[in-house]
N, C-alpha and C. Protein backbone atom coordinates (compact mmCIF):
# COMPACT_ATOMS: atom_id res chain seq x y z
N MET A 1 5.43 -10.01 17.02
CA MET A 1 4.22 -10.07 16.22
C MET A 1 3.22 -11.01 16.90
N THR A 2 1.99 -10.55 17.03
CA THR A 2 0.97 -11.35 17.70
C THR A 2 0.43 -12.43 16.76
N LYS A 3 -0.29 -13.34 17.36
CA LYS A 3 -0.92 -14.41 16.58
C LYS A 3 -1.90 -13.83 15.55
N GLU A 4 -2.65 -12.78 15.95
CA GLU A 4 -3.60 -12.13 15.04
C GLU A 4 -2.87 -11.45 13.88
N ASP A 5 -1.73 -10.82 14.16
CA ASP A 5 -0.93 -10.18 13.10
C ASP A 5 -0.45 -11.22 12.09
N LEU A 6 0.01 -12.35 12.59
CA LEU A 6 0.47 -13.42 11.69
C LEU A 6 -0.67 -13.95 10.83
N LYS A 7 -1.82 -14.08 11.45
CA LYS A 7 -3.01 -14.57 10.72
C LYS A 7 -3.41 -13.57 9.62
N GLU A 8 -3.40 -12.26 9.96
CA GLU A 8 -3.75 -11.24 8.97
C GLU A 8 -2.74 -11.21 7.84
N THR A 9 -1.46 -11.34 8.16
CA THR A 9 -0.42 -11.35 7.13
C THR A 9 -0.61 -12.53 6.18
N ALA A 10 -0.89 -13.71 6.74
CA ALA A 10 -1.12 -14.89 5.91
C ALA A 10 -2.35 -14.71 5.03
N MET A 11 -3.39 -14.10 5.59
CA MET A 11 -4.63 -13.88 4.84
C MET A 11 -4.37 -12.91 3.67
N LYS A 12 -3.64 -11.82 3.93
CA LYS A 12 -3.33 -10.86 2.87
C LYS A 12 -2.54 -11.52 1.75
N LYS A 13 -1.58 -12.36 2.11
CA LYS A 13 -0.78 -13.05 1.10
C LYS A 13 -1.63 -14.00 0.26
N ALA A 14 -2.54 -14.73 0.91
CA ALA A 14 -3.41 -15.66 0.18
C ALA A 14 -4.35 -14.90 -0.76
N ILE A 15 -4.92 -13.81 -0.27
CA ILE A 15 -5.79 -12.99 -1.12
C ILE A 15 -4.98 -12.40 -2.27
N GLY A 16 -3.78 -11.95 -1.98
CA GLY A 16 -2.91 -11.39 -3.01
C GLY A 16 -2.60 -12.40 -4.11
N MET A 17 -2.33 -13.65 -3.71
CA MET A 17 -2.05 -14.70 -4.70
C MET A 17 -3.28 -14.94 -5.58
N ARG A 18 -4.48 -14.97 -4.97
CA ARG A 18 -5.70 -15.18 -5.76
C ARG A 18 -5.98 -13.97 -6.66
N PHE A 19 -5.71 -12.76 -6.14
CA PHE A 19 -5.91 -11.56 -6.94
C PHE A 19 -5.02 -11.61 -8.19
N LYS A 20 -3.76 -12.00 -8.00
CA LYS A 20 -2.83 -12.12 -9.13
C LYS A 20 -3.31 -13.20 -10.11
N GLN A 21 -3.78 -14.31 -9.57
CA GLN A 21 -4.31 -15.38 -10.42
C GLN A 21 -5.46 -14.86 -11.27
N PHE A 22 -6.34 -14.07 -10.66
CA PHE A 22 -7.47 -13.49 -11.38
C PHE A 22 -6.99 -12.53 -12.47
N ARG A 23 -6.04 -11.66 -12.12
CA ARG A 23 -5.51 -10.71 -13.11
C ARG A 23 -4.90 -11.45 -14.29
N GLU A 24 -4.15 -12.51 -14.02
CA GLU A 24 -3.55 -13.30 -15.09
C GLU A 24 -4.61 -14.02 -15.91
N PHE A 25 -5.69 -14.45 -15.26
CA PHE A 25 -6.82 -15.05 -15.96
C PHE A 25 -7.40 -14.06 -16.97
N LEU A 26 -7.44 -12.78 -16.58
CA LEU A 26 -7.93 -11.72 -17.48
C LEU A 26 -6.94 -11.39 -18.58
N LYS A 27 -5.70 -11.91 -18.44
CA LYS A 27 -4.63 -11.62 -19.40
C LYS A 27 -4.32 -10.12 -19.42
N LYS A 28 -4.27 -9.53 -18.24
CA LYS A 28 -3.96 -8.11 -18.10
C LYS A 28 -2.68 -7.96 -17.29
N SER A 29 -1.89 -6.98 -17.66
CA SER A 29 -0.72 -6.64 -16.86
C SER A 29 -1.18 -5.86 -15.64
N GLN A 30 -0.27 -5.69 -14.69
CA GLN A 30 -0.61 -4.86 -13.53
C GLN A 30 -0.97 -3.45 -14.00
N ALA A 31 -0.21 -2.93 -14.95
CA ALA A 31 -0.46 -1.57 -15.45
C ALA A 31 -1.82 -1.46 -16.11
N GLU A 32 -2.20 -2.46 -16.89
CA GLU A 32 -3.51 -2.43 -17.57
C GLU A 32 -4.66 -2.48 -16.56
N LEU A 33 -4.54 -3.35 -15.57
CA LEU A 33 -5.60 -3.44 -14.57
C LEU A 33 -5.66 -2.16 -13.74
N ALA A 34 -4.49 -1.63 -13.40
CA ALA A 34 -4.45 -0.38 -12.63
C ALA A 34 -5.13 0.75 -13.40
N GLU A 35 -4.87 0.82 -14.69
CA GLU A 35 -5.50 1.87 -15.51
C GLU A 35 -7.02 1.69 -15.54
N GLU A 36 -7.47 0.45 -15.70
CA GLU A 36 -8.91 0.19 -15.72
C GLU A 36 -9.56 0.57 -14.39
N LEU A 37 -8.89 0.26 -13.29
CA LEU A 37 -9.43 0.55 -11.97
C LEU A 37 -9.16 1.99 -11.53
N GLN A 38 -8.38 2.70 -12.32
CA GLN A 38 -7.99 4.09 -12.03
C GLN A 38 -7.29 4.20 -10.68
N VAL A 39 -6.30 3.30 -10.51
CA VAL A 39 -5.42 3.35 -9.35
C VAL A 39 -3.99 3.27 -9.86
N ARG A 40 -3.04 3.52 -8.98
CA ARG A 40 -1.63 3.39 -9.37
C ARG A 40 -1.26 1.92 -9.47
N GLN A 41 -0.30 1.62 -10.32
CA GLN A 41 0.17 0.24 -10.46
C GLN A 41 0.71 -0.28 -9.13
N ALA A 42 1.27 0.60 -8.32
CA ALA A 42 1.80 0.20 -7.01
C ALA A 42 0.70 -0.40 -6.12
N ILE A 43 -0.53 0.04 -6.31
CA ILE A 43 -1.66 -0.52 -5.53
C ILE A 43 -1.88 -1.98 -5.92
N ILE A 44 -1.87 -2.25 -7.23
CA ILE A 44 -2.05 -3.63 -7.71
C ILE A 44 -0.91 -4.50 -7.18
N SER A 45 0.31 -4.00 -7.25
CA SER A 45 1.46 -4.73 -6.75
C SER A 45 1.34 -4.99 -5.25
N ALA A 46 0.91 -4.00 -4.49
CA ALA A 46 0.76 -4.15 -3.03
C ALA A 46 -0.31 -5.18 -2.69
N ILE A 47 -1.39 -5.23 -3.47
CA ILE A 47 -2.43 -6.24 -3.25
C ILE A 47 -1.85 -7.62 -3.53
N GLU A 48 -1.18 -7.75 -4.67
CA GLU A 48 -0.68 -9.06 -5.09
C GLU A 48 0.43 -9.59 -4.18
N THR A 49 1.19 -8.72 -3.54
CA THR A 49 2.26 -9.17 -2.64
C THR A 49 1.78 -9.30 -1.20
N GLY A 50 0.49 -9.03 -0.97
CA GLY A 50 -0.07 -9.23 0.35
C GLY A 50 0.19 -8.11 1.33
N LYS A 51 0.51 -6.93 0.82
CA LYS A 51 0.75 -5.80 1.71
C LYS A 51 -0.55 -5.11 2.12
N ILE A 52 -1.53 -5.12 1.21
CA ILE A 52 -2.83 -4.49 1.50
C ILE A 52 -3.94 -5.39 0.96
N PHE A 53 -5.13 -5.20 1.52
CA PHE A 53 -6.31 -5.87 1.00
C PHE A 53 -6.88 -5.05 -0.17
N PRO A 54 -7.49 -5.71 -1.16
CA PRO A 54 -8.20 -4.93 -2.19
C PRO A 54 -9.42 -4.27 -1.55
N GLY A 55 -9.60 -2.99 -1.78
CA GLY A 55 -10.71 -2.25 -1.19
C GLY A 55 -12.06 -2.67 -1.75
N PHE A 56 -13.11 -2.27 -1.05
CA PHE A 56 -14.46 -2.61 -1.49
C PHE A 56 -14.76 -2.10 -2.91
N PRO A 57 -14.40 -0.85 -3.27
CA PRO A 57 -14.70 -0.41 -4.64
C PRO A 57 -14.05 -1.30 -5.70
N VAL A 58 -12.84 -1.76 -5.44
CA VAL A 58 -12.15 -2.65 -6.39
C VAL A 58 -12.89 -3.98 -6.47
N GLN A 59 -13.21 -4.54 -5.32
CA GLN A 59 -13.94 -5.82 -5.30
C GLN A 59 -15.28 -5.69 -6.02
N HIS A 60 -16.00 -4.62 -5.72
CA HIS A 60 -17.32 -4.40 -6.31
C HIS A 60 -17.22 -4.28 -7.84
N TYR A 61 -16.25 -3.50 -8.30
CA TYR A 61 -16.07 -3.31 -9.75
C TYR A 61 -15.76 -4.65 -10.42
N LEU A 62 -14.81 -5.40 -9.87
CA LEU A 62 -14.41 -6.67 -10.50
C LEU A 62 -15.54 -7.68 -10.46
N ASN A 63 -16.36 -7.63 -9.43
CA ASN A 63 -17.52 -8.51 -9.37
C ASN A 63 -18.54 -8.12 -10.44
N ASN A 64 -18.82 -6.84 -10.56
CA ASN A 64 -19.81 -6.38 -11.55
C ASN A 64 -19.30 -6.54 -12.98
N ARG A 65 -18.08 -6.23 -13.22
CA ARG A 65 -17.53 -6.24 -14.57
C ARG A 65 -17.20 -7.63 -15.08
N TYR A 66 -16.56 -8.45 -14.21
CA TYR A 66 -16.05 -9.76 -14.65
C TYR A 66 -16.68 -10.93 -13.90
N ARG A 67 -17.60 -10.66 -12.98
CA ARG A 67 -18.28 -11.67 -12.17
C ARG A 67 -17.30 -12.43 -11.28
N LEU A 68 -16.26 -11.71 -10.79
CA LEU A 68 -15.33 -12.29 -9.82
C LEU A 68 -16.12 -12.67 -8.57
N ASP A 69 -15.95 -13.90 -8.13
CA ASP A 69 -16.62 -14.35 -6.91
C ASP A 69 -15.80 -13.85 -5.72
N ILE A 70 -16.35 -12.92 -4.97
CA ILE A 70 -15.64 -12.31 -3.86
C ILE A 70 -15.37 -13.35 -2.76
N ASN A 71 -16.25 -14.31 -2.58
CA ASN A 71 -16.01 -15.38 -1.61
C ASN A 71 -14.73 -16.16 -1.99
N TRP A 72 -14.54 -16.40 -3.29
CA TRP A 72 -13.32 -17.06 -3.74
C TRP A 72 -12.10 -16.18 -3.47
N LEU A 73 -12.22 -14.90 -3.79
CA LEU A 73 -11.09 -13.99 -3.60
C LEU A 73 -10.68 -13.92 -2.13
N ILE A 74 -11.63 -13.75 -1.25
CA ILE A 74 -11.32 -13.55 0.17
C ILE A 74 -11.03 -14.86 0.90
N ASN A 75 -11.85 -15.88 0.66
CA ASN A 75 -11.75 -17.12 1.44
C ASN A 75 -11.17 -18.31 0.68
N GLY A 76 -11.14 -18.20 -0.66
CA GLY A 76 -10.64 -19.32 -1.46
C GLY A 76 -11.67 -20.39 -1.73
N PHE A 77 -12.95 -20.13 -1.40
CA PHE A 77 -14.00 -21.11 -1.60
C PHE A 77 -14.73 -20.86 -2.92
N GLY A 78 -15.17 -21.93 -3.55
CA GLY A 78 -15.95 -21.80 -4.77
C GLY A 78 -15.07 -21.59 -6.00
N GLU A 79 -15.69 -21.05 -7.02
CA GLU A 79 -15.01 -20.81 -8.29
C GLU A 79 -14.57 -19.35 -8.39
N MET A 80 -13.56 -19.10 -9.20
CA MET A 80 -13.08 -17.73 -9.40
C MET A 80 -14.16 -16.85 -10.01
N ILE A 81 -14.86 -17.37 -11.00
CA ILE A 81 -15.88 -16.61 -11.73
C ILE A 81 -17.25 -17.20 -11.38
N ILE A 82 -18.20 -16.33 -11.10
CA ILE A 82 -19.56 -16.79 -10.83
C ILE A 82 -20.11 -17.42 -12.11
N PRO A 83 -20.46 -18.70 -12.06
CA PRO A 83 -20.87 -19.39 -13.29
C PRO A 83 -22.22 -18.92 -13.83
N GLY A 84 -22.37 -19.09 -15.15
CA GLY A 84 -23.65 -18.82 -15.78
C GLY A 84 -23.95 -17.37 -16.05
N VAL A 85 -23.01 -16.48 -15.82
CA VAL A 85 -23.24 -15.06 -16.04
C VAL A 85 -22.14 -14.54 -16.94
N LYS A 86 -22.51 -13.89 -18.01
CA LYS A 86 -21.53 -13.33 -18.93
C LYS A 86 -20.97 -12.04 -18.39
N GLU A 87 -19.80 -11.69 -18.91
CA GLU A 87 -19.14 -10.44 -18.53
C GLU A 87 -20.02 -9.25 -18.87
N SER A 88 -20.08 -8.32 -17.95
CA SER A 88 -20.83 -7.09 -18.19
C SER A 88 -19.98 -6.15 -19.03
N LYS A 89 -20.54 -5.59 -20.07
CA LYS A 89 -19.78 -4.70 -20.93
C LYS A 89 -19.65 -3.30 -20.38
N SER A 90 -20.59 -2.87 -19.58
CA SER A 90 -20.49 -1.53 -19.01
C SER A 90 -21.34 -1.45 -17.75
N SER A 91 -21.09 -0.42 -17.01
CA SER A 91 -21.81 -0.23 -15.77
C SER A 91 -23.22 0.29 -16.05
N PRO A 92 -24.12 0.19 -15.07
CA PRO A 92 -25.46 0.75 -15.26
C PRO A 92 -25.39 2.25 -15.51
N LEU A 93 -24.48 2.92 -14.84
CA LEU A 93 -24.37 4.37 -15.04
C LEU A 93 -23.89 4.71 -16.44
N LEU A 94 -22.98 3.91 -16.99
CA LEU A 94 -22.52 4.18 -18.35
C LEU A 94 -23.65 4.01 -19.36
N SER A 95 -24.52 3.02 -19.15
CA SER A 95 -25.62 2.85 -20.10
C SER A 95 -26.57 4.04 -20.02
N ILE A 96 -26.82 4.56 -18.82
CA ILE A 96 -27.64 5.76 -18.69
C ILE A 96 -26.96 6.93 -19.38
N PHE A 97 -25.68 7.07 -19.13
CA PHE A 97 -24.89 8.14 -19.72
C PHE A 97 -24.99 8.11 -21.25
N HIS A 98 -24.84 6.94 -21.85
CA HIS A 98 -24.88 6.84 -23.31
C HIS A 98 -26.26 7.20 -23.87
N ARG A 99 -27.33 6.89 -23.12
CA ARG A 99 -28.67 7.21 -23.61
C ARG A 99 -28.94 8.71 -23.61
N VAL A 100 -28.44 9.43 -22.62
CA VAL A 100 -28.80 10.85 -22.51
C VAL A 100 -27.78 11.79 -23.14
N ARG A 101 -26.57 11.38 -23.33
CA ARG A 101 -25.54 12.33 -23.76
C ARG A 101 -25.78 12.94 -25.13
N GLU A 102 -26.45 12.23 -26.01
CA GLU A 102 -26.66 12.74 -27.35
C GLU A 102 -27.68 13.87 -27.39
N ASN A 103 -28.61 13.90 -26.46
CA ASN A 103 -29.68 14.89 -26.50
C ASN A 103 -29.58 15.95 -25.41
N ASP A 104 -28.52 15.94 -24.64
CA ASP A 104 -28.43 16.83 -23.50
C ASP A 104 -27.17 17.68 -23.58
N PRO A 105 -27.30 19.01 -23.68
CA PRO A 105 -26.13 19.87 -23.80
C PRO A 105 -25.21 19.81 -22.58
N ARG A 106 -25.70 19.32 -21.46
CA ARG A 106 -24.83 19.21 -20.28
C ARG A 106 -23.72 18.19 -20.49
N PHE A 107 -23.85 17.35 -21.50
CA PHE A 107 -22.87 16.30 -21.73
C PHE A 107 -21.92 16.64 -22.89
N GLU A 108 -21.76 17.93 -23.18
CA GLU A 108 -20.86 18.34 -24.25
C GLU A 108 -19.45 17.78 -24.04
N HIS A 109 -18.99 17.84 -22.85
CA HIS A 109 -17.64 17.38 -22.53
C HIS A 109 -17.72 15.97 -21.95
N ASP A 110 -18.31 15.07 -22.69
CA ASP A 110 -18.64 13.77 -22.15
C ASP A 110 -17.44 12.88 -21.86
N GLU A 111 -16.29 13.13 -22.46
CA GLU A 111 -15.13 12.27 -22.19
C GLU A 111 -14.71 12.35 -20.73
N GLU A 112 -14.70 13.55 -20.18
CA GLU A 112 -14.34 13.70 -18.77
C GLU A 112 -15.39 13.04 -17.88
N LEU A 113 -16.65 13.22 -18.22
CA LEU A 113 -17.73 12.61 -17.45
C LEU A 113 -17.65 11.08 -17.55
N LYS A 114 -17.39 10.58 -18.74
CA LYS A 114 -17.28 9.14 -18.93
C LYS A 114 -16.17 8.57 -18.06
N LYS A 115 -15.02 9.23 -18.02
CA LYS A 115 -13.92 8.76 -17.17
C LYS A 115 -14.33 8.74 -15.71
N MET A 116 -15.05 9.79 -15.28
CA MET A 116 -15.50 9.84 -13.89
C MET A 116 -16.45 8.69 -13.59
N ILE A 117 -17.40 8.44 -14.48
CA ILE A 117 -18.40 7.40 -14.25
C ILE A 117 -17.75 6.02 -14.26
N GLU A 118 -16.69 5.82 -15.05
CA GLU A 118 -16.02 4.52 -15.11
C GLU A 118 -15.26 4.21 -13.83
N ASN A 119 -14.98 5.22 -13.02
CA ASN A 119 -14.26 4.99 -11.77
C ASN A 119 -15.19 4.23 -10.82
N PRO A 120 -14.76 3.06 -10.33
CA PRO A 120 -15.65 2.27 -9.48
C PRO A 120 -16.06 2.98 -8.20
N LEU A 121 -15.22 3.81 -7.66
CA LEU A 121 -15.57 4.53 -6.43
C LEU A 121 -16.64 5.57 -6.72
N VAL A 122 -16.51 6.31 -7.82
CA VAL A 122 -17.52 7.31 -8.19
C VAL A 122 -18.85 6.62 -8.46
N GLU A 123 -18.81 5.51 -9.17
CA GLU A 123 -20.04 4.77 -9.46
C GLU A 123 -20.71 4.32 -8.15
N GLU A 124 -19.90 3.83 -7.20
CA GLU A 124 -20.45 3.37 -5.93
C GLU A 124 -21.12 4.52 -5.18
N ILE A 125 -20.50 5.69 -5.21
CA ILE A 125 -21.06 6.87 -4.53
C ILE A 125 -22.38 7.28 -5.18
N ILE A 126 -22.40 7.33 -6.50
CA ILE A 126 -23.62 7.73 -7.22
C ILE A 126 -24.74 6.74 -6.96
N LEU A 127 -24.44 5.44 -7.04
CA LEU A 127 -25.47 4.43 -6.80
C LEU A 127 -25.98 4.52 -5.35
N GLY A 128 -25.08 4.82 -4.42
CA GLY A 128 -25.50 5.00 -3.03
C GLY A 128 -26.44 6.18 -2.87
N LYS A 129 -26.12 7.30 -3.54
CA LYS A 129 -26.98 8.48 -3.47
C LYS A 129 -28.34 8.20 -4.11
N LEU A 130 -28.35 7.45 -5.20
CA LEU A 130 -29.63 7.09 -5.82
C LEU A 130 -30.48 6.24 -4.87
N ALA A 131 -29.84 5.32 -4.15
CA ALA A 131 -30.56 4.50 -3.18
C ALA A 131 -31.13 5.38 -2.06
N GLU A 132 -30.36 6.39 -1.64
CA GLU A 132 -30.85 7.32 -0.61
C GLU A 132 -32.06 8.08 -1.12
N LEU A 133 -32.00 8.56 -2.36
CA LEU A 133 -33.14 9.28 -2.93
C LEU A 133 -34.39 8.41 -2.96
N LYS A 134 -34.20 7.18 -3.38
CA LYS A 134 -35.33 6.25 -3.46
C LYS A 134 -35.93 6.03 -2.06
N ALA A 135 -35.06 5.95 -1.05
CA ALA A 135 -35.53 5.68 0.31
C ALA A 135 -36.32 6.86 0.89
N ILE A 136 -35.97 8.08 0.50
CA ILE A 136 -36.66 9.23 1.09
C ILE A 136 -37.81 9.75 0.24
N ALA A 137 -37.97 9.21 -0.96
CA ALA A 137 -39.07 9.64 -1.83
C ALA A 137 -40.40 9.19 -1.24
N PRO A 138 -41.42 10.01 -1.41
CA PRO A 138 -42.75 9.60 -0.93
C PRO A 138 -43.18 8.29 -1.61
N LYS A 139 -43.90 7.47 -0.87
CA LYS A 139 -44.36 6.20 -1.42
C LYS A 139 -45.19 6.45 -2.68
N GLY A 140 -44.89 5.72 -3.74
CA GLY A 140 -45.63 5.88 -4.99
C GLY A 140 -45.10 6.98 -5.89
N TYR A 141 -44.00 7.64 -5.50
CA TYR A 141 -43.44 8.73 -6.31
C TYR A 141 -43.00 8.20 -7.66
N ARG A 142 -43.37 8.92 -8.73
CA ARG A 142 -42.99 8.51 -10.09
C ARG A 142 -41.80 9.34 -10.51
N TRP A 143 -40.71 8.66 -10.92
CA TRP A 143 -39.45 9.33 -11.25
C TRP A 143 -39.42 9.84 -12.69
N GLU A 144 -40.35 9.44 -13.52
CA GLU A 144 -40.33 9.90 -14.91
C GLU A 144 -40.64 11.40 -14.97
N ARG A 145 -40.12 12.02 -16.00
CA ARG A 145 -40.41 13.46 -16.21
C ARG A 145 -41.75 13.61 -16.89
């Protein structure tokens, strides 16, 4: 094993310990957090035991939802929770979803759509596509109908 491999292994274990500390802070079991993140419980276990790094969608979701300080998670610096900011109750996409679903027949089967939107990876993809649309829109374009 090379010096770099040993360093990466130690880093994964340290991140895993902090990830577990954060999950316990939330008072959630591995199964509960896995369900919320829409991943298998084995993924949570692998992160906590230092076998894998938490992916960007997981980090992004936990930062947005619970204000997890990613610098703390990755490097151990600072506080676990970004101070002065309350927990977010829902994603920006969910708030949009709730506003339009009552008046739009396309949202008849909203439970399936809601589950999709709650997935941090799906949310990240949608937000990325919205940013692309904004970037290619003519200057001064009005998005209202």
